[in-house]
Amino acid sequence: MSGRYDSFEAERMMRYDARRKSLLITYLLWFFLPMMGIHRMYLGKWISGFMMLALSVIGGALTVIFIGYIPLALAGLWWVLDAVLNYINVENYNEALAYHLS
């Protein structure tokens, strides 16, 4: 009976390792693709990722009439806040995944 439990546990750990999100990848996406929300989409936060992307695109398009700096500033502030929130978001995602697989 112990062998069957061990194989089930090993399978569960392999599924967790395959699906868990990396803090390093999250911060690389956050740093190299700033204000695009890709790091949020990577963590499964699709709505807020697309909102961040929309703020950046709309702000960039409207900079020719100088009103675009407002959405760009909001996206920039959000990007800076995500420097701290990324760690929390990755931990929450991985904890929820572990709970779901147990």
Protein backbone atom coordinates (compact mmCIF):
# COMPACT_ATOMS: atom_id res chain seq x y z
CA MET A 1 0.00 0.00 0.00
CA SER A 2 2.90 2.32 0.73
CA GLY A 3 4.20 2.05 -2.85
CA ARG A 4 0.86 3.13 -4.30
CA TYR A 5 0.71 6.18 -2.01
CA ASP A 6 4.29 7.11 -2.89
CA SER A 7 3.56 6.98 -6.62
CA PHE A 8 0.43 9.13 -6.15
CA GLU A 9 2.44 11.66 -4.15
CA ALA A 10 5.22 11.66 -6.75
CA GLU A 11 2.69 12.22 -9.53
CA ARG A 12 1.13 15.11 -7.62
CA MET A 13 4.55 16.70 -7.05
CA MET A 14 5.41 16.36 -10.75
CA ARG A 15 2.14 18.06 -11.72
CA TYR A 16 2.84 20.84 -9.22
CA ASP A 17 6.38 21.37 -10.52
CA ALA A 18 5.13 21.46 -14.11
CA ARG A 19 2.43 24.05 -13.39
CA ARG A 20 3.96 26.30 -10.75
CA LYS A 21 5.00 29.82 -11.67
CA SER A 22 8.56 31.06 -11.35
CA LEU A 23 9.36 34.26 -9.47
CA LEU A 24 12.40 34.79 -11.69
CA ILE A 25 10.38 34.58 -14.91
CA THR A 26 7.77 36.92 -13.45
CA TYR A 27 10.37 39.55 -12.61
CA LEU A 28 12.09 39.14 -16.00
CA LEU A 29 8.78 39.75 -17.77
CA TRP A 30 8.07 42.67 -15.44
CA PHE A 31 11.46 44.27 -16.09
CA PHE A 32 11.95 43.67 -19.82
CA LEU A 33 8.33 44.24 -20.90
CA PRO A 34 7.41 47.18 -18.66
CA MET A 35 3.85 48.41 -18.40
CA MET A 36 2.53 45.80 -20.85
CA GLY A 37 0.94 43.57 -18.21
CA ILE A 38 2.58 40.43 -19.59
CA HIS A 39 3.84 39.50 -16.11
CA ARG A 40 0.24 39.62 -14.85
CA MET A 41 -1.02 37.49 -17.74
CA TYR A 42 1.73 34.95 -16.97
CA LEU A 43 0.25 34.60 -13.48
CA GLY A 44 -3.26 34.10 -14.84
CA LYS A 45 -4.45 37.63 -14.06
CA TRP A 46 -5.73 38.20 -17.58
CA ILE A 47 -8.15 41.07 -16.90
CA SER A 48 -5.69 43.25 -15.00
CA GLY A 49 -2.97 42.37 -17.52
CA PHE A 50 -5.12 43.54 -20.42
CA MET A 51 -6.14 46.65 -18.45
CA MET A 52 -2.48 47.53 -17.95
CA LEU A 53 -1.77 46.89 -21.62
CA ALA A 54 -4.74 49.04 -22.65
CA LEU A 55 -3.56 51.92 -20.44
CA SER A 56 -0.14 51.76 -22.05
CA VAL A 57 -1.43 51.55 -25.63
CA ILE A 58 -4.05 54.28 -25.20
CA GLY A 59 -1.59 56.48 -23.35
CA GLY A 60 1.05 55.98 -26.01
CA ALA A 61 -1.41 56.79 -28.79
CA LEU A 62 -2.66 59.94 -27.08
CA THR A 63 0.73 61.43 -26.21
CA VAL A 64 0.59 63.46 -29.42
CA ILE A 65 -2.13 65.58 -27.84
CA PHE A 66 -0.45 65.46 -24.41
CA ILE A 67 -3.42 63.85 -22.65
CA GLY A 68 -1.82 60.43 -23.07
CA TYR A 69 0.62 61.06 -20.26
CA ILE A 70 -2.14 60.52 -17.70
CA PRO A 71 -2.82 56.85 -18.58
CA LEU A 72 0.92 56.30 -19.03
CA ALA A 73 1.53 57.68 -15.54
CA LEU A 74 -1.15 55.36 -14.12
CA ALA A 75 0.36 52.35 -15.90
CA GLY A 76 3.82 53.39 -14.67
CA LEU A 77 2.62 53.67 -11.09
CA TRP A 78 0.94 50.29 -11.37
CA TRP A 79 4.19 48.85 -12.80
CA VAL A 80 6.19 50.17 -9.83
CA LEU A 81 3.66 48.74 -7.36
CA ASP A 82 3.94 45.39 -9.10
CA ALA A 83 7.61 45.29 -8.07
CA VAL A 84 6.32 44.38 -4.61
CA LEU A 85 3.10 42.65 -5.62
CA ASN A 86 4.83 40.17 -7.95
CA TYR A 87 6.24 38.21 -5.02
CA ILE A 88 2.83 38.06 -3.33
CA ASN A 89 1.04 37.12 -6.57
CA VAL A 90 3.46 34.28 -7.34
CA GLU A 91 3.14 32.91 -3.80
CA ASN A 92 -0.67 33.09 -3.94
CA TYR A 93 -0.76 31.36 -7.32
CA ASN A 94 1.51 28.55 -6.20
CA GLU A 95 -0.35 28.06 -2.93
CA ALA A 96 -3.69 27.86 -4.75
CA LEU A 97 -2.18 25.36 -7.18
CA ALA A 98 -0.88 23.19 -4.33
CA TYR A 99 -4.30 23.29 -2.65
CA HIS A 100 -6.05 22.43 -5.93
CA LEU A 101 -3.77 19.44 -6.53
CA SER A 102 -4.13 18.03 -3.02
